[in-house]
Amino acid sequence: MTERSEIGHDQEPLPTFTESAKQRIISLMEKEGRQGQGVRVFMHGHGPAGRQYGITFVEQGEEDPDDDTEFDLGAFKVFIDSESAPKLKGATIDYVDDPFGGSSGFQIDNPSSTWTDPKAQAIQELIETRVNPAVAGHGGHVELIDVKDNVVYILLGGGCQGCGMVDVTLKQGIEVMIKEAVPEIHEVIDTTDHAGGTNPYYQPAKGGESPLAP
C-alpha cells in the first residue's frame, strides 16, 4: 500500500510513501518521543552515487509556510521546500530492512530528470557526449555534481583522480568547453579528493598537455 497526495491540479504530484517507509517513520517517532512532529524530505545535491536526499524530523514551528509544500499522511505531515519539490515529483520513498545484516534504510526511487535547470542539463549533455569520451582513453571520467550561481562543481574519477595533469585538463579543457557551451558559467570547481587517487603524491601540474586541451 502506498499513499500519494496532490496539491491542486496545476502542481506537480508529490512523492509516494510506501507502507514500509511510513511505518518506519512512525516507529522512529515513537522510539524517540517525536509524536506530533512532521517529516521533511529534500534533495541537497549530487554526489558520486547520484542524487543526494535527506529525510529529517520537523518540530512544530520549524515549518516554512511561505516556501513549504505540506501534505498529511495521517500519522504525520510531510514538508518539502520549493527547490526540492520539482526534483521529487513522482518519486517513491521506501524503507528496506535487510534481515541478514546488509544495507537497511530509506531508499528513494526517482524517475524524474536528474537535472531540472536548463544550464545543468546542457552541461550534463556536454559531459556525456564530449568530455567523457575525450578522457576515457586515459581511464578517466567526469561527473557533474551541481550548478549554483553560475558556478559548476564537478568530480573527476578513474584515471583523472590523483593525476598530476588534472589542473591542465580542468582549466584548458573542461572549463573552456563548458564556458563555450554555457556562456553564463564563470567558474568550474573540481571537488575531487586527489590525494585519494592512484597517485597519492598528487601535485598540481605546472605545464604539459591534456587530452582535452585545444
C-alpha atoms as a PDB file:
ATOM      1  CA  MET A   1       0.000   0.000   0.000  1.00  0.00           C
ATOM      2  CA  THR A   2       1.270   3.457  -0.876  1.00  0.00           C
ATOM      3  CA  GLU A   3      -0.028   6.924  -0.249  1.00  0.00           C
ATOM      4  CA  ARG A   4       0.189   9.869  -2.601  1.00  0.00           C
ATOM      5  CA  SER A   5      -1.059  13.391  -2.248  1.00  0.00           C
ATOM      6  CA  GLU A   6      -1.563  16.013  -4.906  1.00  0.00           C
ATOM      7  CA  ILE A   7      -1.955  19.678  -4.053  1.00  0.00           C
ATOM      8  CA  GLY A   8      -4.154  21.268  -6.705  1.00  0.00           C
ATOM      9  CA  HIS A   9      -4.402  20.384 -10.365  1.00  0.00           C
ATOM     10  CA  ASP A  10      -1.642  22.691 -11.601  1.00  0.00           C
ATOM     11  CA  GLN A  11       1.123  21.456  -9.280  1.00  0.00           C
ATOM     12  CA  GLU A  12       3.431  18.504  -9.628  1.00  0.00           C
ATOM     13  CA  PRO A  13       2.489  15.196  -7.949  1.00  0.00           C
ATOM     14  CA  LEU A  14       4.195  14.806  -4.599  1.00  0.00           C
ATOM     15  CA  PRO A  15       6.236  11.768  -3.547  1.00  0.00           C
ATOM     16  CA  THR A  16       4.684   8.450  -2.638  1.00  0.00           C
ATOM     17  CA  PHE A  17       5.486   6.825   0.717  1.00  0.00           C
ATOM     18  CA  THR A  18       5.302   3.042   0.793  1.00  0.00           C
ATOM     19  CA  GLU A  19       3.700   1.431   3.810  1.00  0.00           C
ATOM     20  CA  SER A  20       7.143   0.229   4.906  1.00  0.00           C
ATOM     21  CA  ALA A  21       8.536   3.788   4.870  1.00  0.00           C
ATOM     22  CA  LYS A  22       5.522   5.155   6.693  1.00  0.00           C
ATOM     23  CA  GLN A  23       5.689   2.509   9.429  1.00  0.00           C
ATOM     24  CA  ARG A  24       9.436   3.048   9.862  1.00  0.00           C
ATOM     25  CA  ILE A  25       8.898   6.770  10.409  1.00  0.00           C
ATOM     26  CA  ILE A  26       6.106   6.091  12.898  1.00  0.00           C
ATOM     27  CA  SER A  27       8.356   3.627  14.723  1.00  0.00           C
ATOM     28  CA  LEU A  28      11.198   6.155  14.938  1.00  0.00           C
ATOM     29  CA  MET A  29       8.821   8.816  16.225  1.00  0.00           C
ATOM     30  CA  GLU A  30       7.599   6.515  18.987  1.00  0.00           C
ATOM     31  CA  LYS A  31      11.120   5.410  19.875  1.00  0.00           C
ATOM     32  CA  GLU A  32      12.496   8.961  20.028  1.00  0.00           C
ATOM     33  CA  GLY A  33       9.420  10.624  21.527  1.00  0.00           C
ATOM     34  CA  ARG A  34       8.682  12.650  18.410  1.00  0.00           C
ATOM     35  CA  GLN A  35       4.957  12.067  18.159  1.00  0.00           C
ATOM     36  CA  GLY A  36       3.256  15.067  16.603  1.00  0.00           C
ATOM     37  CA  GLN A  37       6.299  16.133  14.625  1.00  0.00           C
ATOM     38  CA  GLY A  38       6.471  16.239  10.852  1.00  0.00           C
ATOM     39  CA  VAL A  39       8.963  14.935   8.331  1.00  0.00           C
ATOM     40  CA  ARG A  40      10.945  16.935   5.808  1.00  0.00           C
ATOM     41  CA  VAL A  41      12.097  15.338   2.559  1.00  0.00           C
ATOM     42  CA  PHE A  42      14.611  17.213   0.441  1.00  0.00           C
ATOM     43  CA  MET A  43      17.242  16.885  -2.233  1.00  0.00           C
ATOM     44  CA  HIS A  44      20.508  18.574  -1.341  1.00  0.00           C
ATOM     45  CA  GLY A  45      22.724  17.981  -4.335  1.00  0.00           C
ATOM     46  CA  HIS A  46      24.521  15.339  -6.295  1.00  0.00           C
ATOM     47  CA  GLY A  47      27.365  13.053  -5.374  1.00  0.00           C
ATOM     48  CA  PRO A  48      29.393  10.171  -6.766  1.00  0.00           C
ATOM     49  CA  ALA A  49      26.439   7.834  -6.243  1.00  0.00           C
ATOM     50  CA  GLY A  50      23.933  10.185  -7.862  1.00  0.00           C
ATOM     51  CA  ARG A  51      21.322  12.417  -6.327  1.00  0.00           C
ATOM     52  CA  GLN A  52      21.591  13.001  -2.595  1.00  0.00           C
ATOM     53  CA  TYR A  53      18.457  13.135  -0.452  1.00  0.00           C
ATOM     54  CA  GLY A  54      17.671  13.839   3.143  1.00  0.00           C
ATOM     55  CA  ILE A  55      14.824  12.934   5.478  1.00  0.00           C
ATOM     56  CA  THR A  56      14.614  14.756   8.805  1.00  0.00           C
ATOM     57  CA  PHE A  57      12.080  15.375  11.536  1.00  0.00           C
ATOM     58  CA  VAL A  58      10.373  18.769  11.718  1.00  0.00           C
ATOM     59  CA  GLU A  59       9.444  20.165  15.092  1.00  0.00           C
ATOM     60  CA  GLN A  60       6.453  22.454  15.417  1.00  0.00           C
ATOM     61  CA  GLY A  61       7.446  25.934  14.312  1.00  0.00           C
ATOM     62  CA  GLU A  62      10.225  24.773  12.011  1.00  0.00           C
ATOM     63  CA  GLU A  63       7.922  24.698   9.004  1.00  0.00           C
ATOM     64  CA  ASP A  64       8.141  27.473   6.420  1.00  0.00           C
ATOM     65  CA  PRO A  65       4.558  28.248   5.331  1.00  0.00           C
ATOM     66  CA  ASP A  66       5.841  30.652   2.661  1.00  0.00           C
ATOM     67  CA  ASP A  67       8.056  28.044   1.000  1.00  0.00           C
ATOM     68  CA  ASP A  68       6.995  24.546   2.013  1.00  0.00           C
ATOM     69  CA  THR A  69       4.552  22.266   0.293  1.00  0.00           C
ATOM     70  CA  GLU A  70       2.712  20.344   3.012  1.00  0.00           C
ATOM     71  CA  PHE A  71       0.673  17.170   2.845  1.00  0.00           C
ATOM     72  CA  ASP A  72      -0.818  14.960   5.508  1.00  0.00           C
ATOM     73  CA  LEU A  73      -0.286  11.196   5.658  1.00  0.00           C
ATOM     74  CA  GLY A  74      -2.467  10.827   8.723  1.00  0.00           C
ATOM     75  CA  ALA A  75       0.152   9.749  11.244  1.00  0.00           C
ATOM     76  CA  PHE A  76       2.425  12.643  10.315  1.00  0.00           C
ATOM     77  CA  LYS A  77       2.742  15.578   7.931  1.00  0.00           C
ATOM     78  CA  VAL A  78       5.368  15.854   5.200  1.00  0.00           C
ATOM     79  CA  PHE A  79       7.086  19.110   4.223  1.00  0.00           C
ATOM     80  CA  ILE A  80       9.026  19.732   1.016  1.00  0.00           C
ATOM     81  CA  ASP A  81      10.762  23.021   0.217  1.00  0.00           C
ATOM     82  CA  SER A  82      10.096  24.754  -3.098  1.00  0.00           C
ATOM     83  CA  GLU A  83      13.528  23.926  -4.517  1.00  0.00           C
ATOM     84  CA  SER A  84      13.248  20.207  -3.783  1.00  0.00           C
ATOM     85  CA  ALA A  85       9.586  19.790  -4.802  1.00  0.00           C
ATOM     86  CA  PRO A  86      10.061  19.694  -8.600  1.00  0.00           C
ATOM     87  CA  LYS A  87      13.052  17.368  -8.191  1.00  0.00           C
ATOM     88  CA  LEU A  88      10.980  14.899  -6.175  1.00  0.00           C
ATOM     89  CA  LYS A  89       7.889  14.802  -8.385  1.00  0.00           C
ATOM     90  CA  GLY A  90       6.685  11.251  -8.861  1.00  0.00           C
ATOM     91  CA  ALA A  91       9.336   9.785  -6.538  1.00  0.00           C
ATOM     92  CA  THR A  92       8.673   6.771  -4.319  1.00  0.00           C
ATOM     93  CA  ILE A  93      10.096   6.720  -0.798  1.00  0.00           C
ATOM     94  CA  ASP A  94      10.605   3.232   0.597  1.00  0.00           C
ATOM     95  CA  TYR A  95      12.278   1.649   3.604  1.00  0.00           C
ATOM     96  CA  VAL A  96      14.216  -1.563   3.109  1.00  0.00           C
ATOM     97  CA  ASP A  97      15.151  -3.701   6.098  1.00  0.00           C
ATOM     98  CA  ASP A  98      17.747  -6.378   5.371  1.00  0.00           C
ATOM     99  CA  PRO A  99      17.307  -9.219   7.928  1.00  0.00           C
ATOM    100  CA  PHE A 100      20.733 -10.612   7.012  1.00  0.00           C
ATOM    101  CA  GLY A 101      22.660  -7.601   8.228  1.00  0.00           C
ATOM    102  CA  GLY A 102      23.056  -5.931   4.851  1.00  0.00           C
ATOM    103  CA  SER A 103      22.236  -2.366   3.948  1.00  0.00           C
ATOM    104  CA  SER A 104      18.992  -1.173   5.523  1.00  0.00           C
ATOM    105  CA  GLY A 105      17.489   2.275   5.221  1.00  0.00           C
ATOM    106  CA  PHE A 106      15.309   4.635   3.275  1.00  0.00           C
ATOM    107  CA  GLN A 107      15.526   4.449  -0.494  1.00  0.00           C
ATOM    108  CA  ILE A 108      14.139   6.941  -2.981  1.00  0.00           C
ATOM    109  CA  ASP A 109      13.238   5.823  -6.473  1.00  0.00           C
ATOM    110  CA  ASN A 110      13.067   8.968  -8.567  1.00  0.00           C
ATOM    111  CA  PRO A 111      12.013   8.748 -12.225  1.00  0.00           C
ATOM    112  CA  SER A 112      12.328  12.477 -12.840  1.00  0.00           C
ATOM    113  CA  SER A 113      15.191  14.005 -14.766  1.00  0.00           C
ATOM    114  CA  THR A 114      18.416  14.304 -12.797  1.00  0.00           C
ATOM    115  CA  TRP A 115      18.650  17.990 -13.668  1.00  0.00           C
ATOM    116  CA  THR A 116      15.776  20.450 -13.911  1.00  0.00           C
ATOM    117  CA  ASP A 117      17.913  23.542 -14.544  1.00  0.00           C
ATOM    118  CA  PRO A 118      18.484  24.135 -18.300  1.00  0.00           C
ATOM    119  CA  LYS A 119      22.115  25.106 -17.745  1.00  0.00           C
ATOM    120  CA  ALA A 120      22.783  21.932 -15.760  1.00  0.00           C
ATOM    121  CA  GLN A 121      21.044  19.883 -18.456  1.00  0.00           C
ATOM    122  CA  ALA A 122      23.233  21.426 -21.150  1.00  0.00           C
ATOM    123  CA  ILE A 123      26.401  20.815 -19.145  1.00  0.00           C
ATOM    124  CA  GLN A 124      25.394  17.227 -18.394  1.00  0.00           C
ATOM    125  CA  GLU A 125      24.859  16.588 -22.109  1.00  0.00           C
ATOM    126  CA  LEU A 126      28.239  18.149 -22.890  1.00  0.00           C
ATOM    127  CA  ILE A 127      29.970  15.940 -20.334  1.00  0.00           C
ATOM    128  CA  GLU A 128      28.289  12.801 -21.667  1.00  0.00           C
ATOM    129  CA  THR A 129      28.848  13.490 -25.362  1.00  0.00           C
ATOM    130  CA  ARG A 130      32.206  15.279 -25.481  1.00  0.00           C
ATOM    131  CA  VAL A 131      34.085  15.421 -22.179  1.00  0.00           C
ATOM    132  CA  ASN A 132      33.876  11.816 -21.040  1.00  0.00           C
ATOM    133  CA  PRO A 133      34.671  10.330 -24.456  1.00  0.00           C
ATOM    134  CA  ALA A 134      37.798  12.523 -24.535  1.00  0.00           C
ATOM    135  CA  VAL A 135      39.114  11.466 -21.112  1.00  0.00           C
ATOM    136  CA  ALA A 136      38.023   7.824 -21.453  1.00  0.00           C
ATOM    137  CA  GLY A 137      41.208   6.999 -23.333  1.00  0.00           C
ATOM    138  CA  HIS A 138      43.157   7.848 -20.184  1.00  0.00           C
ATOM    139  CA  GLY A 139      40.787   5.824 -17.995  1.00  0.00           C
ATOM    140  CA  GLY A 140      39.092   8.885 -16.555  1.00  0.00           C
ATOM    141  CA  HIS A 141      35.557  10.166 -16.245  1.00  0.00           C
ATOM    142  CA  VAL A 142      33.897  13.394 -15.159  1.00  0.00           C
ATOM    143  CA  GLU A 143      30.696  13.742 -13.163  1.00  0.00           C
ATOM    144  CA  LEU A 144      28.571  16.842 -12.749  1.00  0.00           C
ATOM    145  CA  ILE A 145      27.879  17.435  -9.058  1.00  0.00           C
ATOM    146  CA  ASP A 146      25.994  20.724  -9.070  1.00  0.00           C
ATOM    147  CA  VAL A 147      25.466  24.094 -10.737  1.00  0.00           C
ATOM    148  CA  LYS A 148      24.858  27.026  -8.396  1.00  0.00           C
ATOM    149  CA  ASP A 149      25.097  30.757  -9.041  1.00  0.00           C
ATOM    150  CA  ASN A 150      26.749  30.094 -12.423  1.00  0.00           C
ATOM    151  CA  VAL A 151      29.463  28.007 -10.788  1.00  0.00           C
ATOM    152  CA  VAL A 152      29.869  24.386 -11.926  1.00  0.00           C
ATOM    153  CA  TYR A 153      31.012  21.715  -9.478  1.00  0.00           C
ATOM    154  CA  ILE A 154      32.440  18.522 -10.945  1.00  0.00           C
ATOM    155  CA  LEU A 155      34.039  15.318  -9.722  1.00  0.00           C
ATOM    156  CA  LEU A 156      36.919  13.670 -11.575  1.00  0.00           C
ATOM    157  CA  GLY A 157      37.205   9.907 -11.282  1.00  0.00           C
ATOM    158  CA  GLY A 158      39.141   6.968 -12.648  1.00  0.00           C
ATOM    159  CA  GLY A 159      42.464   7.944 -14.154  1.00  0.00           C
ATOM    160  CA  CYS A 160      41.716  11.632 -13.589  1.00  0.00           C
ATOM    161  CA  GLN A 161      41.759  11.249  -9.799  1.00  0.00           C
ATOM    162  CA  GLY A 162      45.244  11.862  -8.481  1.00  0.00           C
ATOM    163  CA  CYS A 163      46.615  12.665 -11.939  1.00  0.00           C
ATOM    164  CA  GLY A 164      49.287  15.358 -11.995  1.00  0.00           C
ATOM    165  CA  MET A 165      47.777  16.758 -15.191  1.00  0.00           C
ATOM    166  CA  VAL A 166      44.373  17.393 -13.666  1.00  0.00           C
ATOM    167  CA  ASP A 167      44.801  21.181 -13.490  1.00  0.00           C
ATOM    168  CA  VAL A 168      45.563  21.319 -17.193  1.00  0.00           C
ATOM    169  CA  THR A 169      42.609  19.053 -18.015  1.00  0.00           C
ATOM    170  CA  LEU A 170      40.308  21.218 -15.915  1.00  0.00           C
ATOM    171  CA  LYS A 171      41.420  24.708 -16.954  1.00  0.00           C
ATOM    172  CA  GLN A 172      42.437  24.161 -20.578  1.00  0.00           C
ATOM    173  CA  GLY A 173      39.868  21.524 -21.423  1.00  0.00           C
ATOM    174  CA  ILE A 174      36.755  21.026 -19.332  1.00  0.00           C
ATOM    175  CA  GLU A 175      36.303  24.631 -18.221  1.00  0.00           C
ATOM    176  CA  VAL A 176      36.811  26.000 -21.735  1.00  0.00           C
ATOM    177  CA  MET A 177      34.268  23.582 -23.210  1.00  0.00           C
ATOM    178  CA  ILE A 178      31.670  24.298 -20.527  1.00  0.00           C
ATOM    179  CA  LYS A 179      32.014  28.076 -20.880  1.00  0.00           C
ATOM    180  CA  GLU A 180      31.690  27.819 -24.647  1.00  0.00           C
ATOM    181  CA  ALA A 181      28.515  25.738 -24.305  1.00  0.00           C
ATOM    182  CA  VAL A 182      27.001  27.827 -21.480  1.00  0.00           C
ATOM    183  CA  PRO A 183      28.498  31.361 -21.538  1.00  0.00           C
ATOM    184  CA  GLU A 184      26.824  32.316 -18.241  1.00  0.00           C
ATOM    185  CA  ILE A 185      29.181  29.986 -16.358  1.00  0.00           C
ATOM    186  CA  HIS A 186      32.098  31.881 -14.841  1.00  0.00           C
ATOM    187  CA  GLU A 187      33.885  29.170 -12.871  1.00  0.00           C
ATOM    188  CA  VAL A 188      34.336  25.399 -12.782  1.00  0.00           C
ATOM    189  CA  ILE A 189      35.399  23.879  -9.456  1.00  0.00           C
ATOM    190  CA  ASP A 190      36.930  20.433  -9.043  1.00  0.00           C
ATOM    191  CA  THR A 191      35.594  18.787  -5.850  1.00  0.00           C
ATOM    192  CA  THR A 192      37.738  15.664  -6.198  1.00  0.00           C
ATOM    193  CA  ASP A 193      39.902  14.352  -3.363  1.00  0.00           C
ATOM    194  CA  HIS A 194      43.009  13.863  -5.475  1.00  0.00           C
ATOM    195  CA  ALA A 195      45.031  12.655  -2.505  1.00  0.00           C
ATOM    196  CA  GLY A 196      42.841   9.547  -2.587  1.00  0.00           C
ATOM    197  CA  GLY A 197      43.550   8.786  -6.242  1.00  0.00           C
ATOM    198  CA  THR A 198      46.012   6.431  -7.862  1.00  0.00           C
ATOM    199  CA  ASN A 199      48.813   8.930  -7.301  1.00  0.00           C
ATOM    200  CA  PRO A 200      48.911   9.717  -3.561  1.00  0.00           C
ATOM    201  CA  TYR A 201      51.631  12.285  -4.157  1.00  0.00           C
ATOM    202  CA  TYR A 202      49.488  14.456  -6.363  1.00  0.00           C
ATOM    203  CA  GLN A 203      50.827  17.911  -7.018  1.00  0.00           C
ATOM    204  CA  PRO A 204      49.096  20.389  -9.347  1.00  0.00           C
ATOM    205  CA  ALA A 205      50.712  20.303 -12.754  1.00  0.00           C
ATOM    206  CA  LYS A 206      52.605  23.398 -13.882  1.00  0.00           C
ATOM    207  CA  GLY A 207      52.509  22.548 -17.571  1.00  0.00           C
ATOM    208  CA  GLY A 208      52.074  19.773 -20.094  1.00  0.00           C
ATOM    209  CA  GLU A 209      49.267  18.637 -22.303  1.00  0.00           C
ATOM    210  CA  SER A 210      45.815  17.372 -21.514  1.00  0.00           C
ATOM    211  CA  PRO A 211      43.594  15.130 -23.623  1.00  0.00           C
ATOM    212  CA  LEU A 212      41.071  17.966 -23.544  1.00  0.00           C
ATOM    213  CA  ALA A 213      43.445  20.830 -24.215  1.00  0.00           C
ATOM    214  CA  PRO A 214      42.776  22.629 -27.511  1.00  0.00           C
END
